[in-house]
Amino acid sequence: MSAILRERCFNHGQREAAARCPGCRRSFCRECVTEHESRVLCATCLKKLAERASTRRSAWPRLGRASGVVLGTMSAWFFFYLVGAALLRLTDTFHETSIWQVPWLRQ
């Protein structure tokens, strides 16, 4: 006979234990455990896990996004600056034989 069948829920002494939390090693009934990332955890261990995850967040992701926006804006400005500079270097004679000035369009 399995040892878990003889154990009782840590929160509800009258109920049979359905699972053992790998974090605190206590036994709990089906109502007291929840599945998180393919593990069965009790509410206390799940709360501790959530607190650790929230304290690990840093400013690096926000800084990375902000620097990406600034770098993208600067790249776009530089690209259009170079295109404008190239267009300014074109001579007026370049436009004299354009498609819109073909002889058969003149009336």
PDB file of N, CA and C in Angstrom:
ATOM      1  N   MET A   1       0.833  -1.175   0.000  1.00  0.00           N
ATOM      2  CA  MET A   1       0.000   0.000   0.000  1.00  0.00           C
ATOM      3  C   MET A   1       0.877   1.237   0.000  1.00  0.00           C
ATOM      4  N   SER A   2       0.515   2.224  -0.796  1.00  0.00           N
ATOM      5  CA  SER A   2       1.320   3.424  -0.951  1.00  0.00           C
ATOM      6  C   SER A   2       1.274   4.282   0.312  1.00  0.00           C
ATOM      7  N   ALA A   3       2.381   4.933   0.599  1.00  0.00           N
ATOM      8  CA  ALA A   3       2.466   5.771   1.793  1.00  0.00           C
ATOM      9  C   ALA A   3       1.573   7.000   1.684  1.00  0.00           C
ATOM     10  N   ILE A   4       1.348   7.498   0.475  1.00  0.00           N
ATOM     11  CA  ILE A   4       0.513   8.690   0.293  1.00  0.00           C
ATOM     12  C   ILE A   4      -0.946   8.400   0.644  1.00  0.00           C
ATOM     13  N   LEU A   5      -1.369   7.145   0.498  1.00  0.00           N
ATOM     14  CA  LEU A   5      -2.753   6.799   0.822  1.00  0.00           C
ATOM     15  C   LEU A   5      -3.030   6.878   2.317  1.00  0.00           C
ATOM     16  N   ARG A   6      -2.042   6.682   3.131  1.00  0.00           N
ATOM     17  CA  ARG A   6      -2.216   6.745   4.581  1.00  0.00           C
ATOM     18  C   ARG A   6      -2.111   8.154   5.119  1.00  0.00           C
ATOM     19  N   GLU A   7      -1.605   9.066   4.325  1.00  0.00           N
ATOM     20  CA  GLU A   7      -1.404  10.432   4.805  1.00  0.00           C
ATOM     21  C   GLU A   7      -2.663  11.265   4.647  1.00  0.00           C
ATOM     22  N   ARG A   8      -2.745  12.337   5.423  1.00  0.00           N
ATOM     23  CA  ARG A   8      -3.865  13.257   5.403  1.00  0.00           C
ATOM     24  C   ARG A   8      -3.400  14.621   4.935  1.00  0.00           C
ATOM     25  N   CYS A   9      -4.349  15.418   4.489  1.00  0.00           N
ATOM     26  CA  CYS A   9      -4.058  16.767   4.000  1.00  0.00           C
ATOM     27  C   CYS A   9      -3.503  17.619   5.139  1.00  0.00           C
ATOM     28  N   PHE A  10      -2.526  18.434   4.842  1.00  0.00           N
ATOM     29  CA  PHE A  10      -1.921  19.305   5.847  1.00  0.00           C
ATOM     30  C   PHE A  10      -2.930  20.348   6.331  1.00  0.00           C
ATOM     31  N   ASN A  11      -3.773  20.867   5.427  1.00  0.00           N
ATOM     32  CA  ASN A  11      -4.755  21.901   5.786  1.00  0.00           C
ATOM     33  C   ASN A  11      -6.070  21.312   6.292  1.00  0.00           C
ATOM     34  N   HIS A  12      -6.458  20.170   5.766  1.00  0.00           N
ATOM     35  CA  HIS A  12      -7.719  19.526   6.122  1.00  0.00           C
ATOM     36  C   HIS A  12      -7.420  18.132   6.661  1.00  0.00           C
ATOM     37  N   GLY A  13      -7.356  17.988   7.940  1.00  0.00           N
ATOM     38  CA  GLY A  13      -6.976  16.720   8.570  1.00  0.00           C
ATOM     39  C   GLY A  13      -7.925  15.574   8.287  1.00  0.00           C
ATOM     40  N   GLN A  14      -9.180  15.849   7.942  1.00  0.00           N
ATOM     41  CA  GLN A  14     -10.151  14.794   7.706  1.00  0.00           C
ATOM     42  C   GLN A  14     -10.086  14.240   6.283  1.00  0.00           C
ATOM     43  N   ARG A  15      -9.354  14.876   5.385  1.00  0.00           N
ATOM     44  CA  ARG A  15      -9.302  14.442   3.984  1.00  0.00           C
ATOM     45  C   ARG A  15      -8.023  13.660   3.692  1.00  0.00           C
ATOM     46  N   GLU A  16      -8.146  12.729   2.739  1.00  0.00           N
ATOM     47  CA  GLU A  16      -6.970  11.984   2.291  1.00  0.00           C
ATOM     48  C   GLU A  16      -6.069  12.890   1.465  1.00  0.00           C
ATOM     49  N   ALA A  17      -4.790  12.653   1.549  1.00  0.00           N
ATOM     50  CA  ALA A  17      -3.833  13.410   0.744  1.00  0.00           C
ATOM     51  C   ALA A  17      -3.844  12.874  -0.687  1.00  0.00           C
ATOM     52  N   ALA A  18      -3.812  13.783  -1.643  1.00  0.00           N
ATOM     53  CA  ALA A  18      -3.804  13.392  -3.052  1.00  0.00           C
ATOM     54  C   ALA A  18      -2.435  13.597  -3.680  1.00  0.00           C
ATOM     55  N   ALA A  19      -1.662  14.520  -3.134  1.00  0.00           N
ATOM     56  CA  ALA A  19      -0.347  14.810  -3.713  1.00  0.00           C
ATOM     57  C   ALA A  19       0.575  15.369  -2.641  1.00  0.00           C
ATOM     58  N   ARG A  20       1.864  15.281  -2.951  1.00  0.00           N
ATOM     59  CA  ARG A  20       2.865  15.844  -2.050  1.00  0.00           C
ATOM     60  C   ARG A  20       3.550  17.002  -2.771  1.00  0.00           C
ATOM     61  N   CYS A  21       3.617  18.133  -2.120  1.00  0.00           N
ATOM     62  CA  CYS A  21       4.259  19.314  -2.698  1.00  0.00           C
ATOM     63  C   CYS A  21       5.767  19.089  -2.713  1.00  0.00           C
ATOM     64  N   PRO A  22       6.414  19.256  -3.873  1.00  0.00           N
ATOM     65  CA  PRO A  22       7.869  19.049  -3.915  1.00  0.00           C
ATOM     66  C   PRO A  22       8.644  20.176  -3.225  1.00  0.00           C
ATOM     67  N   GLY A  23       8.005  21.318  -3.002  1.00  0.00           N
ATOM     68  CA  GLY A  23       8.690  22.431  -2.356  1.00  0.00           C
ATOM     69  C   GLY A  23       8.819  22.257  -0.855  1.00  0.00           C
ATOM     70  N   CYS A  24       7.699  21.985  -0.185  1.00  0.00           N
ATOM     71  CA  CYS A  24       7.706  21.871   1.272  1.00  0.00           C
ATOM     72  C   CYS A  24       7.616  20.431   1.764  1.00  0.00           C
ATOM     73  N   ARG A  25       7.391  19.485   0.848  1.00  0.00           N
ATOM     74  CA  ARG A  25       7.312  18.049   1.144  1.00  0.00           C
ATOM     75  C   ARG A  25       6.120  17.683   2.030  1.00  0.00           C
ATOM     76  N   ARG A  26       5.098  18.519   2.069  1.00  0.00           N
ATOM     77  CA  ARG A  26       3.881  18.217   2.825  1.00  0.00           C
ATOM     78  C   ARG A  26       2.859  17.595   1.891  1.00  0.00           C
ATOM     79  N   SER A  27       1.927  16.869   2.458  1.00  0.00           N
ATOM     80  CA  SER A  27       0.863  16.237   1.678  1.00  0.00           C
ATOM     81  C   SER A  27      -0.389  17.100   1.712  1.00  0.00           C
ATOM     82  N   PHE A  28      -1.105  17.143   0.588  1.00  0.00           N
ATOM     83  CA  PHE A  28      -2.295  17.977   0.481  1.00  0.00           C
ATOM     84  C   PHE A  28      -3.393  17.232  -0.270  1.00  0.00           C
ATOM     85  N   CYS A  29      -4.650  17.661  -0.048  1.00  0.00           N
ATOM     86  CA  CYS A  29      -5.770  17.112  -0.799  1.00  0.00           C
ATOM     87  C   CYS A  29      -5.838  17.785  -2.169  1.00  0.00           C
ATOM     88  N   ARG A  30      -6.789  17.357  -2.992  1.00  0.00           N
ATOM     89  CA  ARG A  30      -6.893  17.888  -4.355  1.00  0.00           C
ATOM     90  C   ARG A  30      -7.224  19.381  -4.392  1.00  0.00           C
ATOM     91  N   GLU A  31      -7.927  19.872  -3.405  1.00  0.00           N
ATOM     92  CA  GLU A  31      -8.307  21.288  -3.395  1.00  0.00           C
ATOM     93  C   GLU A  31      -7.162  22.199  -2.972  1.00  0.00           C
ATOM     94  N   CYS A  32      -6.185  21.665  -2.306  1.00  0.00           N
ATOM     95  CA  CYS A  32      -5.098  22.490  -1.765  1.00  0.00           C
ATOM     96  C   CYS A  32      -3.871  22.567  -2.675  1.00  0.00           C
ATOM     97  N   VAL A  33      -3.844  21.819  -3.753  1.00  0.00           N
ATOM     98  CA  VAL A  33      -2.697  21.859  -4.661  1.00  0.00           C
ATOM     99  C   VAL A  33      -3.139  22.380  -6.016  1.00  0.00           C
ATOM    100  N   THR A  34      -2.181  22.913  -6.753  1.00  0.00           N
ATOM    101  CA  THR A  34      -2.442  23.388  -8.106  1.00  0.00           C
ATOM    102  C   THR A  34      -1.241  23.037  -8.981  1.00  0.00           C
ATOM    103  N   GLU A  35      -1.487  22.904 -10.268  1.00  0.00           N
ATOM    104  CA  GLU A  35      -0.413  22.549 -11.184  1.00  0.00           C
ATOM    105  C   GLU A  35       0.216  23.815 -11.739  1.00  0.00           C
ATOM    106  N   HIS A  36       1.525  23.885 -11.662  1.00  0.00           N
ATOM    107  CA  HIS A  36       2.268  25.023 -12.186  1.00  0.00           C
ATOM    108  C   HIS A  36       3.519  24.496 -12.861  1.00  0.00           C
ATOM    109  N   GLU A  37       3.645  24.782 -14.174  1.00  0.00           N
ATOM    110  CA  GLU A  37       4.788  24.328 -14.963  1.00  0.00           C
ATOM    111  C   GLU A  37       5.010  22.825 -14.801  1.00  0.00           C
ATOM    112  N   SER A  38       3.945  22.065 -14.957  1.00  0.00           N
ATOM    113  CA  SER A  38       3.912  20.604 -14.874  1.00  0.00           C
ATOM    114  C   SER A  38       4.389  20.069 -13.524  1.00  0.00           C
ATOM    115  N   ARG A  39       4.234  20.866 -12.473  1.00  0.00           N
ATOM    116  CA  ARG A  39       4.504  20.417 -11.105  1.00  0.00           C
ATOM    117  C   ARG A  39       3.270  20.711 -10.272  1.00  0.00           C
ATOM    118  N   VAL A  40       3.026  19.912  -9.277  1.00  0.00           N
ATOM    119  CA  VAL A  40       1.915  20.127  -8.360  1.00  0.00           C
ATOM    120  C   VAL A  40       2.462  20.827  -7.129  1.00  0.00           C
ATOM    121  N   LEU A  41       1.994  22.049  -6.859  1.00  0.00           N
ATOM    122  CA  LEU A  41       2.492  22.859  -5.745  1.00  0.00           C
ATOM    123  C   LEU A  41       1.362  23.265  -4.825  1.00  0.00           C
ATOM    124  N   CYS A  42       1.690  23.466  -3.557  1.00  0.00           N
ATOM    125  CA  CYS A  42       0.704  24.002  -2.622  1.00  0.00           C
ATOM    126  C   CYS A  42       0.663  25.527  -2.779  1.00  0.00           C
ATOM    127  N   ALA A  43      -0.330  26.151  -2.166  1.00  0.00           N
ATOM    128  CA  ALA A  43      -0.515  27.601  -2.304  1.00  0.00           C
ATOM    129  C   ALA A  43       0.653  28.381  -1.717  1.00  0.00           C
ATOM    130  N   THR A  44       1.206  27.911  -0.615  1.00  0.00           N
ATOM    131  CA  THR A  44       2.329  28.610   0.017  1.00  0.00           C
ATOM    132  C   THR A  44       3.568  28.595  -0.872  1.00  0.00           C
ATOM    133  N   CYS A  45       3.886  27.448  -1.420  1.00  0.00           N
ATOM    134  CA  CYS A  45       5.064  27.343  -2.293  1.00  0.00           C
ATOM    135  C   CYS A  45       4.848  28.110  -3.596  1.00  0.00           C
ATOM    136  N   LEU A  46       3.608  28.104  -4.088  1.00  0.00           N
ATOM    137  CA  LEU A  46       3.310  28.864  -5.296  1.00  0.00           C
ATOM    138  C   LEU A  46       3.467  30.357  -5.049  1.00  0.00           C
ATOM    139  N   LYS A  47       3.061  30.825  -3.872  1.00  0.00           N
ATOM    140  CA  LYS A  47       3.223  32.238  -3.518  1.00  0.00           C
ATOM    141  C   LYS A  47       4.706  32.606  -3.414  1.00  0.00           C
ATOM    142  N   LYS A  48       5.504  31.746  -2.798  1.00  0.00           N
ATOM    143  CA  LYS A  48       6.943  31.996  -2.696  1.00  0.00           C
ATOM    144  C   LYS A  48       7.596  32.048  -4.072  1.00  0.00           C
ATOM    145  N   LEU A  49       7.162  31.149  -4.952  1.00  0.00           N
ATOM    146  CA  LEU A  49       7.692  31.113  -6.311  1.00  0.00           C
ATOM    147  C   LEU A  49       7.345  32.393  -7.063  1.00  0.00           C
ATOM    148  N   ALA A  50       6.126  32.888  -6.895  1.00  0.00           N
ATOM    149  CA  ALA A  50       5.705  34.122  -7.560  1.00  0.00           C
ATOM    150  C   ALA A  50       6.459  35.328  -7.017  1.00  0.00           C
ATOM    151  N   GLU A  51       6.727  35.346  -5.714  1.00  0.00           N
ATOM    152  CA  GLU A  51       7.481  36.458  -5.118  1.00  0.00           C
ATOM    153  C   GLU A  51       8.918  36.488  -5.618  1.00  0.00           C
ATOM    154  N   ARG A  52       9.525  35.305  -5.736  1.00  0.00           N
ATOM    155  CA  ARG A  52      10.893  35.255  -6.263  1.00  0.00           C
ATOM    156  C   ARG A  52      10.949  35.711  -7.713  1.00  0.00           C
ATOM    157  N   ALA A  53       9.947  35.341  -8.480  1.00  0.00           N
ATOM    158  CA  ALA A  53       9.920  35.730  -9.892  1.00  0.00           C
ATOM    159  C   ALA A  53       9.727  37.225 -10.034  1.00  0.00           C
ATOM    160  N   SER A  54       8.942  37.836  -9.156  1.00  0.00           N
ATOM    161  CA  SER A  54       8.709  39.277  -9.266  1.00  0.00           C
ATOM    162  C   SER A  54       9.913  40.077  -8.800  1.00  0.00           C
ATOM    163  N   THR A  55      10.689  39.559  -7.862  1.00  0.00           N
ATOM    164  CA  THR A  55      11.870  40.289  -7.413  1.00  0.00           C
ATOM    165  C   THR A  55      13.032  40.138  -8.382  1.00  0.00           C
ATOM    166  N   ARG A  56      13.009  39.106  -9.225  1.00  0.00           N
ATOM    167  CA  ARG A  56      14.080  38.914 -10.192  1.00  0.00           C
ATOM    168  C   ARG A  56      13.998  39.860 -11.374  1.00  0.00           C
ATOM    169  N   ARG A  57      12.849  40.440 -11.608  1.00  0.00           N
ATOM    170  CA  ARG A  57      12.712  41.337 -12.755  1.00  0.00           C
ATOM    171  C   ARG A  57      13.587  42.560 -12.564  1.00  0.00           C
ATOM    172  N   SER A  58      14.243  42.940 -13.607  1.00  0.00           N
ATOM    173  CA  SER A  58      15.137  44.084 -13.524  1.00  0.00           C
ATOM    174  C   SER A  58      14.773  45.108 -14.586  1.00  0.00           C
ATOM    175  N   ALA A  59      15.563  46.134 -14.652  1.00  0.00           N
ATOM    176  CA  ALA A  59      15.322  47.211 -15.614  1.00  0.00           C
ATOM    177  C   ALA A  59      15.919  46.896 -16.980  1.00  0.00           C
ATOM    178  N   TRP A  60      16.649  45.809 -17.109  1.00  0.00           N
ATOM    179  CA  TRP A  60      17.305  45.500 -18.380  1.00  0.00           C
ATOM    180  C   TRP A  60      16.344  45.317 -19.550  1.00  0.00           C
ATOM    181  N   PRO A  61      15.222  44.608 -19.388  1.00  0.00           N
ATOM    182  CA  PRO A  61      14.320  44.496 -20.549  1.00  0.00           C
ATOM    183  C   PRO A  61      13.771  45.841 -21.008  1.00  0.00           C
ATOM    184  N   ARG A  62      13.416  46.711 -20.055  1.00  0.00           N
ATOM    185  CA  ARG A  62      12.911  48.033 -20.431  1.00  0.00           C
ATOM    186  C   ARG A  62      14.006  48.865 -21.067  1.00  0.00           C
ATOM    187  N   LEU A  63      15.226  48.754 -20.556  1.00  0.00           N
ATOM    188  CA  LEU A  63      16.352  49.490 -21.119  1.00  0.00           C
ATOM    189  C   LEU A  63      16.660  48.991 -22.520  1.00  0.00           C
ATOM    190  N   GLY A  64      16.539  47.686 -22.733  1.00  0.00           N
ATOM    191  CA  GLY A  64      16.775  47.108 -24.054  1.00  0.00           C
ATOM    192  C   GLY A  64      15.760  47.591 -25.076  1.00  0.00           C
ATOM    193  N   ARG A  65      14.481  47.656 -24.662  1.00  0.00           N
ATOM    194  CA  ARG A  65      13.448  48.144 -25.580  1.00  0.00           C
ATOM    195  C   ARG A  65      13.651  49.618 -25.891  1.00  0.00           C
ATOM    196  N   ALA A  66      13.982  50.400 -24.885  1.00  0.00           N
ATOM    197  CA  ALA A  66      14.188  51.834 -25.095  1.00  0.00           C
ATOM    198  C   ALA A  66      15.381  52.080 -26.010  1.00  0.00           C
ATOM    199  N   SER A  67      16.461  51.351 -25.801  1.00  0.00           N
ATOM    200  CA  SER A  67      17.630  51.536 -26.665  1.00  0.00           C
ATOM    201  C   SER A  67      17.327  51.074 -28.086  1.00  0.00           C
ATOM    202  N   GLY A  68      16.480  50.049 -28.241  1.00  0.00           N
ATOM    203  CA  GLY A  68      16.076  49.609 -29.574  1.00  0.00           C
ATOM    204  C   GLY A  68      15.284  50.672 -30.310  1.00  0.00           C
ATOM    205  N   VAL A  69      14.403  51.354 -29.581  1.00  0.00           N
ATOM    206  CA  VAL A  69      13.617  52.428 -30.196  1.00  0.00           C
ATOM    207  C   VAL A  69      14.530  53.576 -30.621  1.00  0.00           C
ATOM    208  N   VAL A  70      15.452  53.956 -29.754  1.00  0.00           N
ATOM    209  CA  VAL A  70      16.374  55.052 -30.074  1.00  0.00           C
ATOM    210  C   VAL A  70      17.268  54.667 -31.251  1.00  0.00           C
ATOM    211  N   LEU A  71      17.794  53.457 -31.234  1.00  0.00           N
ATOM    212  CA  LEU A  71      18.665  53.009 -32.320  1.00  0.00           C
ATOM    213  C   LEU A  71      17.901  52.917 -33.643  1.00  0.00           C
ATOM    214  N   GLY A  72      16.671  52.442 -33.610  1.00  0.00           N
ATOM    215  CA  GLY A  72      15.862  52.372 -34.822  1.00  0.00           C
ATOM    216  C   GLY A  72      15.540  53.739 -35.387  1.00  0.00           C
ATOM    217  N   THR A  73      15.222  54.689 -34.510  1.00  0.00           N
ATOM    218  CA  THR A  73      14.931  56.050 -34.952  1.00  0.00           C
ATOM    219  C   THR A  73      16.170  56.694 -35.573  1.00  0.00           C
ATOM    220  N   MET A  74      17.314  56.494 -34.946  1.00  0.00           N
ATOM    221  CA  MET A  74      18.546  57.059 -35.498  1.00  0.00           C
ATOM    222  C   MET A  74      18.903  56.417 -36.840  1.00  0.00           C
ATOM    223  N   SER A  75      18.687  55.115 -36.966  1.00  0.00           N
ATOM    224  CA  SER A  75      18.974  54.425 -38.233  1.00  0.00           C
ATOM    225  C   SER A  75      18.070  54.937 -39.351  1.00  0.00           C
ATOM    226  N   ALA A  76      16.782  55.113 -39.045  1.00  0.00           N
ATOM    227  CA  ALA A  76      15.851  55.630 -40.052  1.00  0.00           C
ATOM    228  C   ALA A  76      16.225  57.045 -40.456  1.00  0.00           C
ATOM    229  N   TRP A  77      16.582  57.897 -39.490  1.00  0.00           N
ATOM    230  CA  TRP A  77      16.976  59.271 -39.804  1.00  0.00           C
ATOM    231  C   TRP A  77      18.215  59.270 -40.703  1.00  0.00           C
ATOM    232  N   PHE A  78      19.222  58.452 -40.367  1.00  0.00           N
ATOM    233  CA  PHE A  78      20.447  58.413 -41.148  1.00  0.00           C
ATOM    234  C   PHE A  78      20.177  57.913 -42.565  1.00  0.00           C
ATOM    235  N   PHE A  79      19.315  56.898 -42.710  1.00  0.00           N
ATOM    236  CA  PHE A  79      18.969  56.385 -44.035  1.00  0.00           C
ATOM    237  C   PHE A  79      18.327  57.482 -44.884  1.00  0.00           C
ATOM    238  N   PHE A  80      17.325  58.165 -44.347  1.00  0.00           N
ATOM    239  CA  PHE A  80      16.656  59.198 -45.121  1.00  0.00           C
ATOM    240  C   PHE A  80      17.563  60.413 -45.359  1.00  0.00           C
ATOM    241  N   TYR A  81      18.495  60.666 -44.456  1.00  0.00           N
ATOM    242  CA  TYR A  81      19.472  61.728 -44.677  1.00  0.00           C
ATOM    243  C   TYR A  81      20.341  61.392 -45.889  1.00  0.00           C
ATOM    244  N   LEU A  82      20.812  60.140 -45.975  1.00  0.00           N
ATOM    245  CA  LEU A  82      21.639  59.733 -47.103  1.00  0.00           C
ATOM    246  C   LEU A  82      20.857  59.753 -48.414  1.00  0.00           C
ATOM    247  N   VAL A  83      19.589  59.342 -48.385  1.00  0.00           N
ATOM    248  CA  VAL A  83      18.768  59.386 -49.590  1.00  0.00           C
ATOM    249  C   VAL A  83      18.580  60.832 -50.043  1.00  0.00           C
ATOM    250  N   GLY A  84      18.304  61.722 -49.105  1.00  0.00           N
ATOM    251  CA  GLY A  84      18.150  63.140 -49.446  1.00  0.00           C
ATOM    252  C   GLY A  84      19.427  63.745 -49.995  1.00  0.00           C
ATOM    253  N   ALA A  85      20.562  63.398 -49.400  1.00  0.00           N
ATOM    254  CA  ALA A  85      21.848  63.904 -49.885  1.00  0.00           C
ATOM    255  C   ALA A  85      22.130  63.394 -51.296  1.00  0.00           C
ATOM    256  N   ALA A  86      21.785  62.131 -51.577  1.00  0.00           N
ATOM    257  CA  ALA A  86      21.993  61.590 -52.917  1.00  0.00           C
ATOM    258  C   ALA A  86      21.089  62.286 -53.930  1.00  0.00           C
ATOM    259  N   LEU A  87      19.857  62.584 -53.569  1.00  0.00           N
ATOM    260  CA  LEU A  87      18.949  63.284 -54.482  1.00  0.00           C
ATOM    261  C   LEU A  87      19.404  64.717 -54.749  1.00  0.00           C
ATOM    262  N   LEU A  88      19.993  65.350 -53.766  1.00  0.00           N
ATOM    263  CA  LEU A  88      20.481  66.713 -53.966  1.00  0.00           C
ATOM    264  C   LEU A  88      21.692  66.762 -54.896  1.00  0.00           C
ATOM    265  N   ARG A  89      22.442  65.697 -54.976  1.00  0.00           N
ATOM    266  CA  ARG A  89      23.621  65.661 -55.843  1.00  0.00           C
ATOM    267  C   ARG A  89      23.267  65.427 -57.308  1.00  0.00           C
ATOM    268  N   LEU A  90      22.041  65.017 -57.600  1.00  0.00           N
ATOM    269  CA  LEU A  90      21.646  64.799 -58.989  1.00  0.00           C
ATOM    270  C   LEU A  90      21.596  66.138 -59.723  1.00  0.00           C
ATOM    271  N   THR A  91      22.053  66.130 -60.948  1.00  0.00           N
ATOM    272  CA  THR A  91      22.024  67.362 -61.739  1.00  0.00           C
ATOM    273  C   THR A  91      20.650  67.561 -62.352  1.00  0.00           C
ATOM    274  N   ASP A  92      20.377  68.772 -62.829  1.00  0.00           N
ATOM    275  CA  ASP A  92      19.098  69.070 -63.458  1.00  0.00           C
ATOM    276  C   ASP A  92      18.958  68.350 -64.797  1.00  0.00           C
ATOM    277  N   THR A  93      20.059  68.038 -65.442  1.00  0.00           N
ATOM    278  CA  THR A  93      19.991  67.372 -66.737  1.00  0.00           C
ATOM    279  C   THR A  93      19.496  65.930 -66.607  1.00  0.00           C
ATOM    280  N   PHE A  94      19.592  65.389 -65.448  1.00  0.00           N
ATOM    281  CA  PHE A  94      19.114  64.029 -65.219  1.00  0.00           C
ATOM    282  C   PHE A  94      17.612  63.927 -65.478  1.00  0.00           C
ATOM    283  N   HIS A  95      16.877  64.979 -65.159  1.00  0.00           N
ATOM    284  CA  HIS A  95      15.425  64.959 -65.282  1.00  0.00           C
ATOM    285  C   HIS A  95      14.920  65.382 -66.661  1.00  0.00           C
ATOM    286  N   GLU A  96      15.783  65.824 -67.543  1.00  0.00           N
ATOM    287  CA  GLU A  96      15.339  66.339 -68.839  1.00  0.00           C
ATOM    288  C   GLU A  96      14.743  65.261 -69.732  1.00  0.00           C
ATOM    289  N   THR A  97      15.196  64.048 -69.653  1.00  0.00           N
ATOM    290  CA  THR A  97      14.679  62.984 -70.522  1.00  0.00           C
ATOM    291  C   THR A  97      13.817  62.009 -69.736  1.00  0.00           C
ATOM    292  N   SER A  98      13.027  62.523 -68.872  1.00  0.00           N
ATOM    293  CA  SER A  98      12.171  61.667 -68.058  1.00  0.00           C
ATOM    294  C   SER A  98      10.983  61.180 -68.858  1.00  0.00           C
ATOM    295  N   ILE A  99      10.295  60.193 -68.350  1.00  0.00           N
ATOM    296  CA  ILE A  99       9.179  59.553 -69.045  1.00  0.00           C
ATOM    297  C   ILE A  99       8.018  60.521 -69.261  1.00  0.00           C
ATOM    298  N   TRP A 100       7.826  61.455 -68.358  1.00  0.00           N
ATOM    299  CA  TRP A 100       6.690  62.375 -68.494  1.00  0.00           C
ATOM    300  C   TRP A 100       6.948  63.495 -69.485  1.00  0.00           C
ATOM    301  N   GLN A 101       8.167  63.534 -70.041  1.00  0.00           N
ATOM    302  CA  GLN A 101       8.470  64.574 -71.019  1.00  0.00           C
ATOM    303  C   GLN A 101       8.707  63.985 -72.413  1.00  0.00           C
ATOM    304  N   VAL A 102       8.079  62.872 -72.746  1.00  0.00           N
ATOM    305  CA  VAL A 102       8.226  62.276 -74.076  1.00  0.00           C
ATOM    306  C   VAL A 102       7.472  63.125 -75.087  1.00  0.00           C
ATOM    307  N   PRO A 103       7.940  63.191 -76.334  1.00  0.00           N
ATOM    308  CA  PRO A 103       7.352  64.091 -77.316  1.00  0.00           C
ATOM    309  C   PRO A 103       5.899  63.781 -77.650  1.00  0.00           C
ATOM    310  N   TRP A 104       5.475  62.561 -77.652  1.00  0.00           N
ATOM    311  CA  TRP A 104       4.113  62.253 -78.055  1.00  0.00           C
ATOM    312  C   TRP A 104       3.079  62.655 -77.019  1.00  0.00           C
ATOM    313  N   LEU A 105       3.531  62.998 -75.763  1.00  0.00           N
ATOM    314  CA  LEU A 105       2.587  63.502 -74.782  1.00  0.00           C
ATOM    315  C   LEU A 105       2.334  65.002 -74.917  1.00  0.00           C
ATOM    316  N   ARG A 106       3.246  65.699 -75.576  1.00  0.00           N
ATOM    317  CA  ARG A 106       3.067  67.151 -75.736  1.00  0.00           C
ATOM    318  C   ARG A 106       2.004  67.460 -76.792  1.00  0.00           C
ATOM    319  N   GLN A 107       1.230  68.446 -76.536  1.00  0.00           N
ATOM    320  CA  GLN A 107       0.171  68.806 -77.497  1.00  0.00           C
ATOM    321  C   GLN A 107       0.359  70.187 -78.040  1.00  0.00           C
TER     322      GLN A 107
END
